[in-house]
């Protein structure tokens, strides 16, 4: 009998740790729903108005295509989410909007305290898997 795992969200930045987080998310989801978000760090110019360079948007799309290819090799079709703003705020907003059960993120051991992964662990409305 298969247990319902719920949707998994992976915060993806292309790092080796984030790539491992993709594999862990696919294993957790057992071929179920996986979403991948990449956040372009940006400050808003006005009320949710963000100015982004073409280079940053191209890099974001390239990273998200890369993540989708990695997941496809494991038999998982990914939902892709493009975001811009404060990474923690955008990842949390995406996890709440999608109603995810698990948030997977790569974390660097020497940068964990006060880093993005640490802040997500403390603030996320769901379980968080930090992959190193």
N, C-alpha and C. Protein backbone atom coordinates (compact mmCIF):
# COMPACT_ATOMS: atom_id res chain seq x y z
N UNK A 1 0.84 -1.18 0.00
CA UNK A 1 0.00 0.00 0.00
C UNK A 1 0.89 1.24 0.00
N UNK A 2 0.59 2.18 -0.88
CA UNK A 2 1.36 3.41 -0.98
C UNK A 2 0.80 4.45 -0.02
N UNK A 3 1.68 5.07 0.75
CA UNK A 3 1.27 6.12 1.68
C UNK A 3 1.29 7.45 0.95
N UNK A 4 0.27 8.26 1.13
CA UNK A 4 0.22 9.59 0.51
C UNK A 4 1.24 10.49 1.19
N UNK A 5 2.16 10.99 0.42
CA UNK A 5 3.23 11.81 0.97
C UNK A 5 2.92 13.30 0.90
N UNK A 6 2.12 13.72 -0.05
CA UNK A 6 1.87 15.14 -0.23
C UNK A 6 2.92 15.77 -1.12
N UNK A 7 2.71 17.00 -1.50
CA UNK A 7 3.61 17.69 -2.41
C UNK A 7 4.91 18.06 -1.70
N UNK A 8 5.99 17.98 -2.46
CA UNK A 8 7.32 18.35 -1.97
C UNK A 8 7.79 19.55 -2.78
N UNK A 9 8.35 20.53 -2.09
CA UNK A 9 8.93 21.70 -2.75
C UNK A 9 10.44 21.68 -2.53
N UNK A 10 11.18 21.86 -3.62
CA UNK A 10 12.64 21.94 -3.54
C UNK A 10 13.06 23.36 -3.88
N UNK A 11 13.81 23.99 -2.98
CA UNK A 11 14.41 25.29 -3.25
C UNK A 11 15.73 25.00 -3.95
N UNK A 12 15.84 25.45 -5.21
CA UNK A 12 16.96 25.02 -6.05
C UNK A 12 17.83 26.20 -6.49
N UNK A 13 19.15 26.06 -6.24
CA UNK A 13 20.08 27.10 -6.67
C UNK A 13 21.20 26.55 -7.54
N UNK A 14 21.12 25.28 -7.90
CA UNK A 14 22.12 24.66 -8.75
C UNK A 14 23.32 24.09 -8.04
N UNK A 15 23.44 24.31 -6.74
CA UNK A 15 24.59 23.80 -5.98
C UNK A 15 24.52 22.28 -5.88
N UNK A 16 25.66 21.63 -5.60
CA UNK A 16 25.64 20.17 -5.41
C UNK A 16 24.66 19.74 -4.31
N UNK A 17 24.56 20.54 -3.25
CA UNK A 17 23.62 20.21 -2.17
C UNK A 17 22.18 20.30 -2.66
N UNK A 18 21.87 21.30 -3.48
CA UNK A 18 20.52 21.43 -4.02
C UNK A 18 20.21 20.29 -5.00
N UNK A 19 21.21 19.85 -5.75
CA UNK A 19 21.00 18.71 -6.64
C UNK A 19 20.69 17.45 -5.83
N UNK A 20 21.38 17.27 -4.72
CA UNK A 20 21.08 16.13 -3.84
C UNK A 20 19.69 16.27 -3.24
N UNK A 21 19.28 17.50 -2.93
CA UNK A 21 17.93 17.73 -2.40
C UNK A 21 16.87 17.31 -3.42
N UNK A 22 17.14 17.52 -4.71
CA UNK A 22 16.20 17.06 -5.75
C UNK A 22 16.02 15.55 -5.68
N UNK A 23 17.12 14.82 -5.56
CA UNK A 23 17.05 13.35 -5.48
C UNK A 23 16.31 12.89 -4.23
N UNK A 24 16.58 13.54 -3.11
CA UNK A 24 15.88 13.18 -1.87
C UNK A 24 14.38 13.48 -1.98
N UNK A 25 14.04 14.60 -2.60
CA UNK A 25 12.63 14.96 -2.78
C UNK A 25 11.92 13.94 -3.66
N UNK A 26 12.59 13.51 -4.73
CA UNK A 26 11.99 12.51 -5.62
C UNK A 26 11.76 11.19 -4.87
N UNK A 27 12.72 10.81 -4.04
CA UNK A 27 12.57 9.57 -3.27
C UNK A 27 11.42 9.71 -2.26
N UNK A 28 11.32 10.84 -1.63
CA UNK A 28 10.25 11.07 -0.65
C UNK A 28 8.89 11.06 -1.33
N UNK A 29 8.80 11.66 -2.51
CA UNK A 29 7.52 11.79 -3.20
C UNK A 29 7.07 10.48 -3.85
N UNK A 30 7.98 9.54 -4.03
CA UNK A 30 7.64 8.26 -4.68
C UNK A 30 6.92 8.48 -6.00
N UNK A 31 7.45 9.37 -6.84
CA UNK A 31 6.84 9.65 -8.13
C UNK A 31 5.66 10.60 -8.06
N UNK A 32 5.40 11.14 -6.88
CA UNK A 32 4.28 12.06 -6.71
C UNK A 32 4.64 13.48 -7.08
N UNK A 33 3.95 14.42 -6.48
CA UNK A 33 4.09 15.83 -6.83
C UNK A 33 5.35 16.45 -6.24
N UNK A 34 6.16 17.01 -7.12
CA UNK A 34 7.35 17.75 -6.71
C UNK A 34 7.33 19.09 -7.45
N UNK A 35 7.53 20.15 -6.71
CA UNK A 35 7.66 21.48 -7.29
C UNK A 35 9.07 21.98 -7.00
N UNK A 36 9.60 22.78 -7.91
CA UNK A 36 10.94 23.33 -7.75
C UNK A 36 10.84 24.85 -7.87
N UNK A 37 11.39 25.55 -6.91
CA UNK A 37 11.40 27.01 -6.94
C UNK A 37 12.83 27.52 -6.97
N UNK A 38 13.06 28.52 -7.79
CA UNK A 38 14.32 29.26 -7.78
C UNK A 38 13.96 30.72 -7.58
N UNK A 39 14.63 31.34 -6.62
CA UNK A 39 14.34 32.73 -6.31
C UNK A 39 15.53 33.59 -6.73
N UNK A 40 15.23 34.60 -7.54
CA UNK A 40 16.24 35.59 -7.85
C UNK A 40 16.22 36.61 -6.72
N UNK A 41 17.31 36.72 -5.96
CA UNK A 41 17.33 37.70 -4.88
C UNK A 41 17.17 39.11 -5.45
N UNK A 42 16.18 39.82 -4.96
CA UNK A 42 15.93 41.17 -5.47
C UNK A 42 15.16 41.96 -4.43
N UNK A 43 15.37 43.26 -4.46
CA UNK A 43 14.59 44.15 -3.61
C UNK A 43 13.53 44.80 -4.48
N UNK A 44 12.35 44.95 -3.93
CA UNK A 44 11.28 45.57 -4.71
C UNK A 44 11.53 47.07 -4.83
N UNK A 45 11.15 47.59 -5.98
CA UNK A 45 11.29 49.01 -6.25
C UNK A 45 10.06 49.75 -5.73
N UNK A 46 8.94 49.10 -5.73
CA UNK A 46 7.68 49.65 -5.25
C UNK A 46 6.84 48.49 -4.73
N UNK A 47 5.57 48.65 -4.71
CA UNK A 47 4.68 47.61 -4.22
C UNK A 47 4.76 46.38 -5.12
N UNK A 48 5.62 45.42 -4.74
CA UNK A 48 5.84 44.15 -5.45
C UNK A 48 6.40 44.33 -6.86
N UNK A 49 6.87 45.52 -7.19
CA UNK A 49 7.51 45.76 -8.48
C UNK A 49 8.99 45.47 -8.33
N UNK A 50 9.48 44.53 -9.11
CA UNK A 50 10.87 44.13 -9.02
C UNK A 50 11.51 44.28 -10.40
N UNK A 51 12.69 44.86 -10.43
CA UNK A 51 13.42 45.02 -11.68
C UNK A 51 14.50 43.93 -11.75
N UNK A 52 14.44 43.10 -12.80
CA UNK A 52 15.38 42.00 -12.94
C UNK A 52 16.09 42.09 -14.29
N UNK A 53 17.36 41.76 -14.29
CA UNK A 53 18.10 41.77 -15.54
C UNK A 53 17.76 40.53 -16.35
N UNK A 54 17.94 40.63 -17.66
CA UNK A 54 17.72 39.48 -18.53
C UNK A 54 18.67 38.34 -18.17
N UNK A 55 19.90 38.68 -17.79
CA UNK A 55 20.88 37.64 -17.41
C UNK A 55 20.39 36.83 -16.22
N UNK A 56 19.85 37.51 -15.23
CA UNK A 56 19.35 36.81 -14.04
C UNK A 56 18.15 35.93 -14.38
N UNK A 57 17.27 36.43 -15.22
CA UNK A 57 16.10 35.64 -15.61
C UNK A 57 16.52 34.46 -16.47
N UNK A 58 17.48 34.64 -17.35
CA UNK A 58 17.99 33.53 -18.17
C UNK A 58 18.62 32.46 -17.29
N UNK A 59 19.41 32.88 -16.30
CA UNK A 59 20.04 31.92 -15.38
C UNK A 59 18.98 31.17 -14.60
N UNK A 60 17.94 31.88 -14.15
CA UNK A 60 16.87 31.23 -13.41
C UNK A 60 16.20 30.15 -14.25
N UNK A 61 15.86 30.48 -15.48
CA UNK A 61 15.21 29.51 -16.37
C UNK A 61 16.11 28.32 -16.66
N UNK A 62 17.42 28.59 -16.83
CA UNK A 62 18.37 27.51 -17.08
C UNK A 62 18.44 26.57 -15.88
N UNK A 63 18.51 27.13 -14.68
CA UNK A 63 18.56 26.31 -13.47
C UNK A 63 17.28 25.49 -13.29
N UNK A 64 16.14 26.08 -13.57
CA UNK A 64 14.88 25.35 -13.42
C UNK A 64 14.74 24.25 -14.46
N UNK A 65 15.22 24.49 -15.69
CA UNK A 65 15.22 23.42 -16.71
C UNK A 65 16.14 22.28 -16.27
N UNK A 66 17.30 22.64 -15.70
CA UNK A 66 18.24 21.66 -15.20
C UNK A 66 17.59 20.80 -14.12
N UNK A 67 16.91 21.44 -13.19
CA UNK A 67 16.23 20.71 -12.11
C UNK A 67 15.16 19.78 -12.67
N UNK A 68 14.39 20.27 -13.65
CA UNK A 68 13.35 19.44 -14.26
C UNK A 68 13.97 18.23 -14.95
N UNK A 69 15.11 18.39 -15.62
CA UNK A 69 15.79 17.25 -16.27
C UNK A 69 16.27 16.23 -15.23
N UNK A 70 16.85 16.73 -14.15
CA UNK A 70 17.33 15.82 -13.09
C UNK A 70 16.17 15.00 -12.54
N UNK A 71 15.05 15.67 -12.26
CA UNK A 71 13.88 14.96 -11.72
C UNK A 71 13.28 14.01 -12.74
N UNK A 72 13.27 14.40 -14.01
CA UNK A 72 12.71 13.54 -15.06
C UNK A 72 13.46 12.22 -15.13
N UNK A 73 14.77 12.25 -14.89
CA UNK A 73 15.57 11.03 -14.90
C UNK A 73 15.16 10.06 -13.80
N UNK A 74 14.50 10.58 -12.76
CA UNK A 74 14.02 9.72 -11.66
C UNK A 74 12.54 9.38 -11.84
N UNK A 75 11.96 9.82 -12.96
CA UNK A 75 10.55 9.53 -13.23
C UNK A 75 9.57 10.52 -12.65
N UNK A 76 10.07 11.69 -12.24
CA UNK A 76 9.22 12.71 -11.62
C UNK A 76 9.09 13.90 -12.56
N UNK A 77 7.86 14.31 -12.81
CA UNK A 77 7.61 15.53 -13.57
C UNK A 77 7.44 16.67 -12.57
N UNK A 78 8.25 17.71 -12.74
CA UNK A 78 8.28 18.79 -11.76
C UNK A 78 7.40 19.95 -12.17
N UNK A 79 6.77 20.56 -11.18
CA UNK A 79 6.13 21.85 -11.36
C UNK A 79 7.21 22.90 -11.12
N UNK A 80 7.34 23.85 -12.03
CA UNK A 80 8.40 24.85 -11.96
C UNK A 80 7.82 26.17 -11.47
N UNK A 81 8.52 26.81 -10.52
CA UNK A 81 8.08 28.08 -9.96
C UNK A 81 9.21 29.08 -10.05
N UNK A 82 8.98 30.17 -10.78
CA UNK A 82 9.94 31.28 -10.84
C UNK A 82 9.52 32.32 -9.82
N UNK A 83 10.49 32.82 -9.06
CA UNK A 83 10.17 33.84 -8.06
C UNK A 83 11.32 34.84 -7.98
N UNK A 84 11.01 36.02 -7.46
CA UNK A 84 12.03 37.05 -7.24
C UNK A 84 11.68 37.79 -5.97
N UNK A 85 12.71 38.16 -5.21
CA UNK A 85 12.52 38.87 -3.95
C UNK A 85 13.45 38.31 -2.90
N UNK A 86 13.04 38.41 -1.66
CA UNK A 86 13.81 37.83 -0.56
C UNK A 86 13.64 36.32 -0.64
N UNK A 87 14.73 35.54 -0.75
CA UNK A 87 14.61 34.10 -0.93
C UNK A 87 13.76 33.40 0.14
N UNK A 88 13.99 33.71 1.40
CA UNK A 88 13.23 33.04 2.46
C UNK A 88 11.74 33.37 2.35
N UNK A 89 11.42 34.63 2.17
CA UNK A 89 10.02 35.04 2.05
C UNK A 89 9.35 34.37 0.87
N UNK A 90 10.03 34.33 -0.27
CA UNK A 90 9.43 33.75 -1.48
C UNK A 90 9.30 32.24 -1.38
N UNK A 91 10.27 31.58 -0.80
CA UNK A 91 10.18 30.11 -0.63
C UNK A 91 9.04 29.77 0.32
N UNK A 92 8.93 30.50 1.43
CA UNK A 92 7.84 30.25 2.37
C UNK A 92 6.48 30.53 1.74
N UNK A 93 6.37 31.61 0.99
CA UNK A 93 5.11 31.94 0.32
C UNK A 93 4.73 30.86 -0.68
N UNK A 94 5.71 30.35 -1.41
CA UNK A 94 5.44 29.28 -2.37
C UNK A 94 5.01 28.01 -1.66
N UNK A 95 5.66 27.68 -0.56
CA UNK A 95 5.29 26.46 0.18
C UNK A 95 3.87 26.56 0.72
N UNK A 96 3.49 27.73 1.19
CA UNK A 96 2.13 27.91 1.69
C UNK A 96 1.11 27.89 0.56
N UNK A 97 1.43 28.56 -0.55
CA UNK A 97 0.50 28.61 -1.69
C UNK A 97 0.25 27.22 -2.27
N UNK A 98 1.30 26.40 -2.32
CA UNK A 98 1.18 25.06 -2.89
C UNK A 98 0.71 24.03 -1.87
N UNK A 99 0.70 24.38 -0.60
CA UNK A 99 0.30 23.44 0.44
C UNK A 99 1.23 22.24 0.53
N UNK A 100 2.53 22.50 0.54
CA UNK A 100 3.49 21.41 0.53
C UNK A 100 3.59 20.72 1.88
N UNK A 101 3.94 19.46 1.81
CA UNK A 101 4.13 18.65 3.02
C UNK A 101 5.57 18.70 3.49
N UNK A 102 6.50 18.84 2.51
CA UNK A 102 7.92 18.83 2.83
C UNK A 102 8.63 19.86 1.96
N UNK A 103 9.53 20.60 2.57
CA UNK A 103 10.39 21.54 1.86
C UNK A 103 11.80 20.99 1.93
N UNK A 104 12.42 20.79 0.76
CA UNK A 104 13.79 20.27 0.70
C UNK A 104 14.71 21.38 0.22
N UNK A 105 15.83 21.53 0.89
CA UNK A 105 16.77 22.60 0.56
C UNK A 105 18.18 22.11 0.82
N UNK A 106 19.10 22.56 -0.03
CA UNK A 106 20.50 22.25 0.19
C UNK A 106 21.06 23.19 1.23
N UNK A 107 21.94 22.69 2.06
CA UNK A 107 22.53 23.54 3.11
C UNK A 107 24.01 23.27 3.23
N UNK A 108 24.76 24.31 3.38
CA UNK A 108 26.20 24.19 3.57
C UNK A 108 26.46 24.14 5.07
N UNK A 109 27.13 23.13 5.52
CA UNK A 109 27.37 22.93 6.94
C UNK A 109 27.99 24.16 7.60
N UNK A 110 28.99 24.75 6.95
CA UNK A 110 29.70 25.89 7.56
C UNK A 110 28.92 27.20 7.44
N UNK A 111 27.83 27.21 6.66
CA UNK A 111 27.05 28.44 6.51
C UNK A 111 25.63 28.28 7.05
N UNK A 112 25.35 27.21 7.79
CA UNK A 112 23.97 26.93 8.19
C UNK A 112 23.39 27.99 9.12
N UNK A 113 24.11 28.29 10.20
CA UNK A 113 23.57 29.25 11.16
C UNK A 113 23.35 30.61 10.49
N UNK A 114 22.13 31.08 10.60
CA UNK A 114 21.71 32.37 10.07
C UNK A 114 21.64 32.42 8.54
N UNK A 115 21.82 31.27 7.90
CA UNK A 115 21.68 31.20 6.45
C UNK A 115 20.23 30.93 6.06
N UNK A 116 20.00 30.78 4.77
CA UNK A 116 18.65 30.56 4.27
C UNK A 116 18.06 29.28 4.85
N UNK A 117 18.82 28.18 4.84
CA UNK A 117 18.29 26.91 5.35
C UNK A 117 17.89 27.03 6.82
N UNK A 118 18.72 27.68 7.61
CA UNK A 118 18.42 27.88 9.03
C UNK A 118 17.12 28.67 9.21
N UNK A 119 16.97 29.73 8.45
CA UNK A 119 15.76 30.56 8.56
C UNK A 119 14.52 29.80 8.10
N UNK A 120 14.67 28.96 7.08
CA UNK A 120 13.53 28.15 6.62
C UNK A 120 13.12 27.13 7.68
N UNK A 121 14.10 26.49 8.30
CA UNK A 121 13.81 25.50 9.35
C UNK A 121 13.00 26.15 10.47
N UNK A 122 13.38 27.36 10.84
CA UNK A 122 12.71 28.04 11.95
C UNK A 122 11.33 28.57 11.58
N UNK A 123 11.07 28.89 10.31
CA UNK A 123 9.84 29.58 9.94
C UNK A 123 8.85 28.79 9.08
N UNK A 124 9.27 27.68 8.52
CA UNK A 124 8.43 26.95 7.57
C UNK A 124 7.18 26.36 8.23
N UNK A 125 6.06 26.37 7.51
CA UNK A 125 4.83 25.79 8.03
C UNK A 125 4.77 24.27 7.85
N UNK A 126 5.85 23.69 7.35
CA UNK A 126 5.88 22.25 7.08
C UNK A 126 7.24 21.71 7.52
N UNK A 127 7.44 20.41 7.36
CA UNK A 127 8.73 19.82 7.66
C UNK A 127 9.76 20.31 6.65
N UNK A 128 11.02 20.41 7.09
CA UNK A 128 12.10 20.86 6.22
C UNK A 128 13.20 19.82 6.24
N UNK A 129 13.65 19.43 5.05
CA UNK A 129 14.77 18.51 4.91
C UNK A 129 15.95 19.33 4.40
N UNK A 130 17.01 19.40 5.19
CA UNK A 130 18.22 20.10 4.79
C UNK A 130 19.24 19.05 4.36
N UNK A 131 19.64 19.13 3.10
CA UNK A 131 20.57 18.14 2.53
C UNK A 131 21.93 18.78 2.42
N UNK A 132 22.97 18.08 2.93
CA UNK A 132 24.32 18.63 2.85
C UNK A 132 25.16 17.79 1.92
